[in-house]
Amino acid sequence: MNDSPPPDIVKSSPQSASETHGKSALMSKRRKTRRYQHGSLCESPDKKRWIVKFYYAPGKQTSRTLGPKTKISRRQAEMMRDDLVRPLNQSPFRSLGKETFERFVEDVFFPIKLDTGEWRENTAKESMREIRKHIVADVGEVRFEELTAALLRALLKKKAEQGLGRQTLNHLRFYLTDICKSAIAEGYLTNNVSEGLKPPAKVLKPSAPKRVATLEHYAEAWSLLDERERLCFDLVMFAGMRESEAFAIWCGDVAEDGIHIERSFYKGSYGPPKTPKSDRIVGVPDEIMERLQSWISRLPVNDPAACVFPSSKLIKPIWPESLLGKYVRPRLRPAGLGWINFEVLRRSHSTLHKRRKSDPKIIADQQGHGMRTHFEEYIQSEVAERKAEAAKLYADFMGVFRKRG
C-alpha cells in the first residue's frame, strides 16, 4: 500500500520554497500597483502660486498649477487637490487587466471624445470609422495586460505593408497615442506603451507631391465651367475658404463686409466651424461678391436661411463630391485638368500669395487657421525657388571668399 501523503498536503522543500519566494519577489518588482494617494500641495518657487503634485501612473509623477495664492486660500487649494486626485483613487478600472482594448474604445474612449466636444460630429464619424476598421479589427480582443509597444509597432507595420498611405498611418499613430493616454488617465494602463510610436519608414509608400494650380491652369479651368461651379471655385481659390465652408453658406451669411462663417457642411450634415479660428468673416473681392449676390437673387429660394448652393431638393447644399463628379471633372478631364479640386485650390491660394510676398498672418486669418498650419500644410515651394535661395547663400559666400583673396 502506498503510504505517501496526498499531493495537496505535500510540503515543499526548502529549495522550492526559496525559488517560489524569489519568483514572487521578482514579479513584485516588475508589477507596479497604483496605491491610494493624497497628493502633495506646495507653493511655487516664487511663493506666488499653489501647486499640487501627484502620480498619474505608478512611478510617474506630475504637477499642476492650481492658481495664485492671492485668489485661492490654502483651504480652497486643499479642496481642489482632493478633487484632482479623487478620480485616480476611485476609478473603477484601477485594478483591471481583464478589459479588452475594444471595450475600452467603445465604452470609454469614444464617449469621452463625444461628451467633451473634442470631436465634432463629422470628425467623430471619420475618426470612429478609421479606429474601428484599422485598429479595433486587429487588436480589439487584446487585454490591456497584454498590450505592448511591440504589438502597436507590429500593427502599424502591418498597415503599412497593406498599402496605407503616410497620412492614414499618421492618423492611426495619433489615435493609438490618444487612446493610450486616456487609458492611463482612466486606470487601464500604468505606462504609456505608445510613447515614441512611429510608422515604419522603410515600408511607407512615398507621399505623392502636393499639386498646386497656377493662374494659367485656373484660367483654363475657369473658362470651361458654368457660373455655379466658377463661384464655388472662386470662393476657395481667391477667398481661401474651405469647401465645407463654401457649401455651408446661407443667403443671410453674405453681407457687405464679407461672408460670415457660422457653420460647416460635411458628408451631408451641418456642423459648427472646424476650429475657433474658423469662426470669422471672410474678405471677398468686390467682383466675386457682385457675382455671388447676382446668383443669390436668381435662386428659387433666397431667404436668409436658404442655401446659396442648394441641391435639387433646395433643402440642403449640394455635396461637393457630387458637384465635382457630375459638373466639374467631365469638363476638365479632356483638357488634362481633372486633378484640380477644392483641396488643390485652397493650397494654391496659400502658395500663390506666398509667391506674391503677401502678409502670411493676413492669409492665415483669411483661411481660418494658425501660422504653423499655414506654413507646414498649405504653402508649397518650387525647386526653382529653393535653387534661388541656395544660390543667394552661395553668392554671399563667394563675396566673402573674394575679399579674403
Protein backbone atom coordinates (compact mmCIF):
# COMPACT_ATOMS: atom_id res chain seq x y z
CA MET A 1 0.00 0.00 0.00
CA ASN A 2 1.24 3.46 -0.84
CA ASP A 3 1.70 5.44 2.40
CA SER A 4 2.74 8.68 0.71
CA PRO A 5 0.58 11.67 1.65
CA PRO A 6 -1.88 13.15 -0.85
CA PRO A 7 -0.41 15.66 -3.30
CA ASP A 8 -2.33 18.57 -1.79
CA ILE A 9 -0.60 18.29 1.56
CA VAL A 10 2.92 17.55 0.35
CA LYS A 11 5.28 20.11 1.86
CA SER A 12 7.58 21.84 -0.49
CA SER A 13 11.29 21.51 0.02
CA PRO A 14 13.29 24.49 1.32
CA GLN A 15 14.81 24.88 -2.12
CA SER A 16 11.47 25.04 -3.91
CA ALA A 17 10.18 27.49 -1.32
CA SER A 18 13.13 29.78 -1.86
CA GLU A 19 12.65 29.55 -5.61
CA THR A 20 9.00 30.42 -5.21
CA HIS A 21 9.88 33.34 -2.95
CA GLY A 22 12.46 34.55 -5.46
CA LYS A 23 9.98 34.39 -8.34
CA SER A 24 7.31 36.22 -6.35
CA ALA A 25 9.82 38.89 -5.35
CA LEU A 26 10.84 39.28 -8.97
CA MET A 27 7.21 39.57 -10.04
CA SER A 28 6.54 42.13 -7.34
CA LYS A 29 9.40 44.23 -8.66
CA ARG A 30 8.11 44.05 -12.20
CA ARG A 31 4.46 44.65 -11.41
CA LYS A 32 3.78 48.16 -10.17
CA THR A 33 0.45 48.76 -8.50
CA ARG A 34 -1.40 52.02 -8.08
CA ARG A 35 -1.82 52.93 -4.42
CA TYR A 36 -4.09 55.39 -2.67
CA GLN A 37 -2.62 58.89 -2.75
CA HIS A 38 -3.45 62.22 -1.16
CA GLY A 39 -1.44 64.49 -3.44
CA SER A 40 1.18 66.97 -2.29
CA LEU A 41 0.13 70.63 -2.01
CA CYS A 42 3.03 73.08 -2.12
CA GLU A 43 4.00 76.56 -3.18
CA SER A 44 5.67 77.52 -6.43
CA PRO A 45 9.36 78.52 -6.25
CA ASP A 46 8.38 82.20 -6.33
CA LYS A 47 5.87 81.66 -3.48
CA LYS A 48 3.05 83.14 -5.58
CA ARG A 49 1.06 80.08 -6.72
CA TRP A 50 -0.34 76.83 -5.34
CA ILE A 51 0.95 73.65 -6.97
CA VAL A 52 -0.22 70.08 -6.42
CA LYS A 53 1.99 67.08 -7.18
CA PHE A 54 0.53 63.62 -7.76
CA TYR A 55 1.17 60.33 -9.53
CA TYR A 56 -0.81 59.80 -12.72
CA ALA A 57 0.68 56.29 -13.08
CA PRO A 58 2.87 54.10 -10.87
CA GLY A 59 6.28 55.72 -10.59
CA LYS A 60 5.33 58.66 -12.82
CA GLN A 61 4.74 61.96 -11.07
CA THR A 62 3.38 65.18 -12.49
CA SER A 63 2.31 68.56 -11.13
CA ARG A 64 -0.45 71.03 -11.84
CA THR A 65 -0.75 74.71 -11.00
CA LEU A 66 -3.98 75.50 -9.16
CA GLY A 67 -3.78 79.29 -9.22
CA PRO A 68 -2.38 82.38 -7.47
CA LYS A 69 -2.24 82.45 -3.67
CA THR A 70 -3.81 85.91 -3.65
CA LYS A 71 -7.06 84.44 -5.00
CA ILE A 72 -7.03 80.91 -3.54
CA SER A 73 -6.74 80.20 0.17
CA ARG A 74 -4.95 77.13 1.49
CA ARG A 75 -8.26 75.50 2.37
CA GLN A 76 -9.57 76.08 -1.13
CA ALA A 77 -6.33 74.71 -2.59
CA GLU A 78 -6.64 71.59 -0.45
CA MET A 79 -10.18 71.03 -1.70
CA MET A 80 -9.02 71.48 -5.30
CA ARG A 81 -6.21 68.99 -4.66
CA ASP A 82 -8.67 66.44 -3.27
CA ASP A 83 -10.94 66.86 -6.29
CA LEU A 84 -7.96 66.34 -8.56
CA VAL A 85 -6.71 63.07 -7.08
CA ARG A 86 -10.09 61.60 -6.14
CA PRO A 87 -10.77 60.15 -9.63
CA LEU A 88 -7.39 58.43 -9.56
CA ASN A 89 -8.22 56.73 -6.26
CA GLN A 90 -11.84 55.91 -7.01
CA SER A 91 -11.55 54.83 -10.63
CA PRO A 92 -13.36 51.50 -11.05
CA PHE A 93 -10.74 50.47 -13.60
CA ARG A 94 -7.66 50.81 -11.41
CA SER A 95 -7.07 47.12 -10.92
CA LEU A 96 -8.46 46.00 -14.24
CA GLY A 97 -6.43 43.85 -16.54
CA LYS A 98 -9.33 41.84 -17.86
CA GLU A 99 -10.88 44.55 -20.02
CA THR A 100 -10.24 44.35 -23.73
CA PHE A 101 -8.99 47.12 -25.96
CA GLU A 102 -12.28 47.15 -27.87
CA ARG A 103 -14.43 47.57 -24.77
CA PHE A 104 -12.36 50.49 -23.60
CA VAL A 105 -12.50 52.19 -27.00
CA GLU A 106 -16.26 51.72 -27.41
CA ASP A 107 -17.38 52.23 -23.80
CA VAL A 108 -14.88 54.82 -22.55
CA PHE A 109 -12.75 56.48 -25.23
CA PHE A 110 -15.48 57.30 -27.77
CA PRO A 111 -17.89 58.68 -25.12
CA ILE A 112 -15.12 60.88 -23.68
CA LYS A 113 -14.40 62.38 -27.09
CA LEU A 114 -18.08 62.98 -27.81
CA ASP A 115 -19.08 64.23 -24.36
CA THR A 116 -16.22 66.74 -24.11
CA GLY A 117 -16.91 68.07 -27.59
CA GLU A 118 -13.31 67.40 -28.66
CA TRP A 119 -14.65 65.72 -31.78
CA ARG A 120 -17.19 67.46 -33.96
CA GLU A 121 -19.94 65.27 -35.39
CA ASN A 122 -18.28 64.89 -38.77
CA THR A 123 -14.83 64.42 -37.24
CA ALA A 124 -16.26 61.78 -34.92
CA LYS A 125 -17.75 59.80 -37.81
CA GLU A 126 -14.49 59.67 -39.72
CA SER A 127 -12.29 59.03 -36.68
CA MET A 128 -14.52 56.28 -35.32
CA ARG A 129 -14.63 54.63 -38.73
CA GLU A 130 -10.83 54.59 -39.05
CA ILE A 131 -10.30 53.35 -35.49
CA ARG A 132 -12.80 50.52 -35.87
CA LYS A 133 -11.58 49.49 -39.31
CA HIS A 134 -7.82 49.65 -38.82
CA ILE A 135 -7.22 49.30 -35.07
CA VAL A 136 -10.08 47.60 -33.26
CA ALA A 137 -10.44 44.99 -36.01
CA ASP A 138 -6.85 43.84 -35.31
CA VAL A 139 -6.25 44.37 -31.59
CA GLY A 140 -9.78 44.68 -30.24
CA GLU A 141 -9.65 41.37 -28.37
CA VAL A 142 -6.28 42.11 -26.77
CA ARG A 143 -6.47 42.62 -23.00
CA PHE A 144 -4.75 45.64 -21.56
CA GLU A 145 -2.38 43.46 -19.57
CA GLU A 146 -1.15 42.08 -22.91
CA LEU A 147 -0.87 45.43 -24.70
CA THR A 148 2.76 46.25 -25.50
CA ALA A 149 4.72 48.74 -27.55
CA ALA A 150 5.91 45.90 -29.81
CA LEU A 151 2.30 44.97 -30.56
CA LEU A 152 1.46 48.53 -31.60
CA ARG A 153 4.57 48.76 -33.78
CA ALA A 154 3.63 45.48 -35.44
CA LEU A 155 0.14 46.83 -36.10
CA LEU A 156 1.47 49.94 -37.86
CA LYS A 157 3.94 47.83 -39.85
CA LYS A 158 1.13 45.54 -40.98
CA LYS A 159 -0.98 48.50 -42.09
CA ALA A 160 1.98 49.99 -43.96
CA GLU A 161 2.57 46.69 -45.74
CA GLN A 162 -1.10 46.62 -46.70
CA GLY A 163 -0.51 49.83 -48.64
CA LEU A 164 -1.99 52.51 -46.41
CA GLY A 165 -0.66 55.98 -47.13
CA ARG A 166 1.54 58.06 -44.89
CA GLN A 167 -1.30 60.34 -43.81
CA THR A 168 -3.54 57.45 -42.77
CA LEU A 169 -0.69 55.82 -40.85
CA ASN A 170 -0.04 59.08 -39.04
CA HIS A 171 -3.72 59.21 -38.15
CA LEU A 172 -3.52 55.69 -36.71
CA ARG A 173 -0.41 56.58 -34.70
CA PHE A 174 -2.19 59.63 -33.30
CA TYR A 175 -5.27 57.55 -32.41
CA LEU A 176 -3.17 54.92 -30.63
CA THR A 177 -1.31 57.57 -28.65
CA ASP A 178 -4.54 59.31 -27.70
CA ILE A 179 -6.21 56.04 -26.68
CA CYS A 180 -3.27 55.02 -24.50
CA LYS A 181 -3.16 58.42 -22.79
CA SER A 182 -6.87 58.11 -22.00
CA ALA A 183 -6.32 54.56 -20.77
CA ILE A 184 -3.68 55.81 -18.34
CA ALA A 185 -5.97 58.56 -17.08
CA GLU A 186 -8.79 56.05 -16.55
CA GLY A 187 -6.57 53.46 -14.88
CA TYR A 188 -6.49 50.83 -17.61
CA LEU A 189 -2.75 51.22 -18.22
CA THR A 190 0.08 52.01 -15.85
CA ASN A 191 2.54 53.13 -18.53
CA ASN A 192 2.24 54.65 -21.97
CA VAL A 193 3.08 51.82 -24.37
CA SER A 194 2.55 54.17 -27.32
CA GLU A 195 5.35 56.55 -26.31
CA GLY A 196 7.68 57.18 -29.25
CA LEU A 197 5.45 55.21 -31.62
CA LYS A 198 6.19 55.92 -35.29
CA PRO A 199 5.14 54.33 -38.60
CA PRO A 200 7.88 52.13 -40.11
CA ALA A 201 9.74 54.39 -42.51
CA LYS A 202 11.15 51.57 -44.67
CA VAL A 203 7.76 50.29 -45.82
CA LEU A 204 5.93 53.60 -46.12
CA LYS A 205 4.69 54.48 -49.57
CA PRO A 206 6.32 57.69 -50.76
CA SER A 207 3.96 60.61 -50.49
CA ALA A 208 2.65 61.94 -53.77
CA PRO A 209 3.73 65.52 -54.45
CA LYS A 210 1.09 68.05 -53.49
CA ARG A 211 -0.03 69.79 -56.64
CA VAL A 212 -0.66 73.50 -56.97
CA ALA A 213 -2.71 75.16 -59.69
CA THR A 214 -1.06 78.10 -61.39
CA LEU A 215 -3.11 81.08 -62.54
CA GLU A 216 -2.78 79.75 -66.09
CA HIS A 217 -4.22 76.38 -65.01
CA TYR A 218 -7.04 78.10 -63.19
CA ALA A 219 -7.88 80.42 -66.06
CA GLU A 220 -8.21 77.49 -68.46
CA ALA A 221 -10.35 75.51 -65.98
CA TRP A 222 -12.49 78.57 -65.17
CA SER A 223 -13.32 79.08 -68.85
CA LEU A 224 -14.77 75.55 -69.06
CA LEU A 225 -17.17 75.81 -66.10
CA ASP A 226 -20.64 77.25 -65.54
CA GLU A 227 -21.32 80.12 -63.13
CA ARG A 228 -22.20 77.99 -60.08
CA GLU A 229 -19.02 75.95 -60.36
CA ARG A 230 -16.99 79.11 -61.01
CA LEU A 231 -18.33 80.73 -57.84
CA CYS A 232 -17.59 77.63 -55.74
CA PHE A 233 -14.04 77.54 -57.11
CA ASP A 234 -13.54 81.31 -56.68
CA LEU A 235 -14.54 81.25 -53.00
CA VAL A 236 -11.83 78.66 -52.33
CA MET A 237 -9.17 79.95 -54.73
CA PHE A 238 -9.43 83.68 -54.03
CA ALA A 239 -11.20 83.93 -50.65
CA GLY A 240 -9.34 80.97 -49.11
CA MET A 241 -12.47 79.26 -47.80
CA ARG A 242 -12.68 75.56 -47.02
CA GLU A 243 -15.02 73.60 -49.25
CA SER A 244 -17.06 72.68 -46.16
CA GLU A 245 -17.49 76.42 -45.51
CA ALA A 246 -18.25 77.45 -49.09
CA PHE A 247 -21.07 74.93 -49.43
CA ALA A 248 -22.47 75.76 -45.97
CA ILE A 249 -23.16 79.42 -46.84
CA TRP A 250 -26.70 80.65 -46.37
CA CYS A 251 -28.01 83.70 -48.17
CA GLY A 252 -28.06 85.62 -44.89
CA ASP A 253 -24.33 85.00 -44.37
CA VAL A 254 -23.41 87.18 -47.37
CA ALA A 255 -23.07 90.75 -46.09
CA GLU A 256 -21.41 93.96 -47.21
CA ASP A 257 -18.31 93.37 -45.09
CA GLY A 258 -17.80 89.82 -46.37
CA ILE A 259 -19.06 86.29 -45.81
CA HIS A 260 -19.77 85.32 -42.20
CA ILE A 261 -18.64 81.75 -41.44
CA GLU A 262 -21.09 80.33 -38.90
CA ARG A 263 -21.22 76.63 -39.83
CA SER A 264 -19.68 73.91 -41.99
CA PHE A 265 -21.19 71.26 -44.27
CA TYR A 266 -19.54 67.85 -44.46
CA LYS A 267 -20.84 64.47 -45.64
CA GLY A 268 -24.40 65.72 -45.84
CA SER A 269 -24.58 67.28 -42.37
CA TYR A 270 -24.20 70.75 -40.91
CA GLY A 271 -21.79 71.31 -38.06
CA PRO A 272 -20.01 74.14 -36.25
CA PRO A 273 -16.93 75.77 -37.82
CA LYS A 274 -13.91 73.46 -37.82
CA THR A 275 -11.86 75.40 -35.25
CA PRO A 276 -12.32 78.54 -33.12
CA LYS A 277 -10.29 80.50 -35.70
CA SER A 278 -12.67 79.28 -38.42
CA ASP A 279 -15.49 81.36 -36.93
CA ARG A 280 -14.64 84.52 -38.87
CA ILE A 281 -15.61 86.98 -41.59
CA VAL A 282 -14.00 86.19 -44.93
CA GLY A 283 -12.94 89.07 -47.14
CA VAL A 284 -14.16 88.57 -50.73
CA PRO A 285 -13.08 90.59 -53.80
CA ASP A 286 -15.79 93.01 -54.93
CA GLU A 287 -16.20 91.41 -58.37
CA ILE A 288 -16.79 87.98 -56.87
CA MET A 289 -19.18 89.42 -54.27
CA GLU A 290 -21.24 91.10 -57.00
CA ARG A 291 -21.49 87.86 -58.96
CA LEU A 292 -22.39 85.97 -55.78
CA GLN A 293 -25.21 88.42 -54.94
CA SER A 294 -26.46 88.20 -58.50
CA TRP A 295 -26.50 84.41 -58.21
CA ILE A 296 -28.44 84.61 -54.93
CA SER A 297 -31.05 86.92 -56.49
CA ARG A 298 -31.80 84.28 -59.14
CA LEU A 299 -32.22 81.36 -56.71
CA PRO A 300 -35.71 79.83 -56.41
CA VAL A 301 -35.46 80.28 -52.63
CA ASN A 302 -33.24 83.06 -51.30
CA ASP A 303 -34.42 83.86 -47.79
CA PRO A 304 -31.68 84.33 -45.12
CA ALA A 305 -31.72 80.63 -44.13
CA ALA A 306 -31.66 79.31 -47.71
CA CYS A 307 -28.61 77.57 -49.17
CA VAL A 308 -26.51 79.54 -51.62
CA PHE A 309 -25.58 76.34 -53.48
CA PRO A 310 -28.61 74.10 -52.94
CA SER A 311 -29.18 70.57 -54.14
CA SER A 312 -32.08 69.69 -56.43
CA LYS A 313 -34.45 69.47 -53.44
CA LEU A 314 -33.47 73.02 -52.28
CA ILE A 315 -33.28 71.86 -48.64
CA LYS A 316 -29.59 71.17 -48.14
CA PRO A 317 -26.49 72.16 -50.11
CA ILE A 318 -25.27 70.05 -52.97
CA TRP A 319 -22.45 67.75 -51.89
CA PRO A 320 -19.00 68.96 -53.02
CA GLU A 321 -18.23 65.43 -54.26
CA SER A 322 -21.38 65.47 -56.39
CA LEU A 323 -20.53 68.83 -57.89
CA LEU A 324 -17.02 67.68 -58.76
CA GLY A 325 -18.11 64.32 -60.13
CA LYS A 326 -21.07 65.49 -62.22
CA TYR A 327 -20.27 69.03 -63.28
CA VAL A 328 -16.53 69.71 -62.95
CA ARG A 329 -14.39 66.68 -63.80
CA PRO A 330 -16.27 65.74 -67.02
CA ARG A 331 -15.36 69.18 -68.37
CA LEU A 332 -11.82 69.45 -67.01
CA ARG A 333 -10.52 65.95 -67.79
CA PRO A 334 -10.44 66.40 -71.59
CA ALA A 335 -8.21 69.43 -71.00
CA GLY A 336 -5.91 67.48 -68.66
CA LEU A 337 -7.10 69.41 -65.60
CA GLY A 338 -9.12 66.73 -63.84
CA TRP A 339 -6.71 66.83 -60.90
CA ILE A 340 -7.97 70.26 -59.82
CA ASN A 341 -10.24 70.01 -56.78
CA PHE A 342 -11.04 72.12 -53.72
CA GLU A 343 -8.05 70.84 -51.77
CA VAL A 344 -5.72 71.85 -54.60
CA LEU A 345 -7.35 75.26 -54.85
CA ARG A 346 -7.02 76.04 -51.14
CA ARG A 347 -3.36 75.00 -51.24
CA SER A 348 -2.90 77.14 -54.35
CA HIS A 349 -4.42 80.11 -52.53
CA SER A 350 -1.69 79.95 -49.87
CA THR A 351 1.15 79.21 -52.27
CA LEU A 352 0.32 81.95 -54.78
CA HIS A 353 0.03 84.52 -52.00
CA LYS A 354 3.42 83.43 -50.71
CA ARG A 355 4.93 83.99 -54.15
CA ARG A 356 3.37 87.46 -54.19
CA LYS A 357 5.02 88.05 -50.78
CA SER A 358 1.64 88.67 -49.12
CA ASP A 359 1.49 89.02 -45.35
CA PRO A 360 1.29 85.39 -44.12
CA LYS A 361 -0.62 86.40 -40.98
CA ILE A 362 -3.37 88.02 -43.06
CA ILE A 363 -3.66 84.98 -45.33
CA ALA A 364 -3.74 82.58 -42.36
CA ASP A 365 -6.53 84.62 -40.77
CA GLN A 366 -8.38 84.69 -44.08
CA GLN A 367 -8.19 80.89 -44.30
CA GLY A 368 -9.13 80.40 -40.66
CA HIS A 369 -6.12 78.52 -39.32
CA GLY A 370 -2.89 79.15 -37.44
CA MET A 371 0.50 80.14 -38.81
CA ARG A 372 2.01 76.71 -38.24
CA THR A 373 -0.71 75.03 -40.29
CA HIS A 374 -0.34 77.73 -42.93
CA PHE A 375 3.38 77.12 -43.44
CA GLU A 376 3.52 73.33 -42.88
CA GLU A 377 0.37 72.15 -44.64
CA TYR A 378 -0.57 74.65 -47.33
CA ILE A 379 2.38 76.62 -48.66
CA GLN A 380 4.41 74.66 -51.22
CA SER A 381 7.82 75.74 -52.52
CA GLU A 382 9.10 75.03 -56.03
CA VAL A 383 12.53 73.64 -56.84
CA ALA A 384 13.37 76.87 -58.66
CA GLU A 385 12.65 78.85 -55.52
CA ARG A 386 14.83 76.55 -53.43
CA LYS A 387 17.63 76.83 -56.00
CA ALA A 388 17.37 80.62 -55.96
CA GLU A 389 17.67 80.76 -52.17
CA ALA A 390 20.63 78.36 -52.22
CA ALA A 391 22.28 80.50 -54.92
CA LYS A 392 21.88 83.62 -52.75
CA LEU A 393 23.71 81.99 -49.86
CA TYR A 394 26.46 80.72 -52.18
CA ALA A 395 26.85 84.22 -53.67
CA ASP A 396 27.29 85.62 -50.16
CA PHE A 397 29.98 83.03 -49.51
CA MET A 398 31.81 83.87 -52.74
CA GLY A 399 31.73 87.55 -51.84
CA VAL A 400 33.41 86.82 -48.50
CA PHE A 401 35.91 84.47 -50.17
CA ARG A 402 36.94 87.08 -52.79
CA LYS A 403 37.53 89.67 -50.09
CA ARG A 404 39.99 87.29 -48.44
CA GLY A 405 41.89 86.92 -51.71
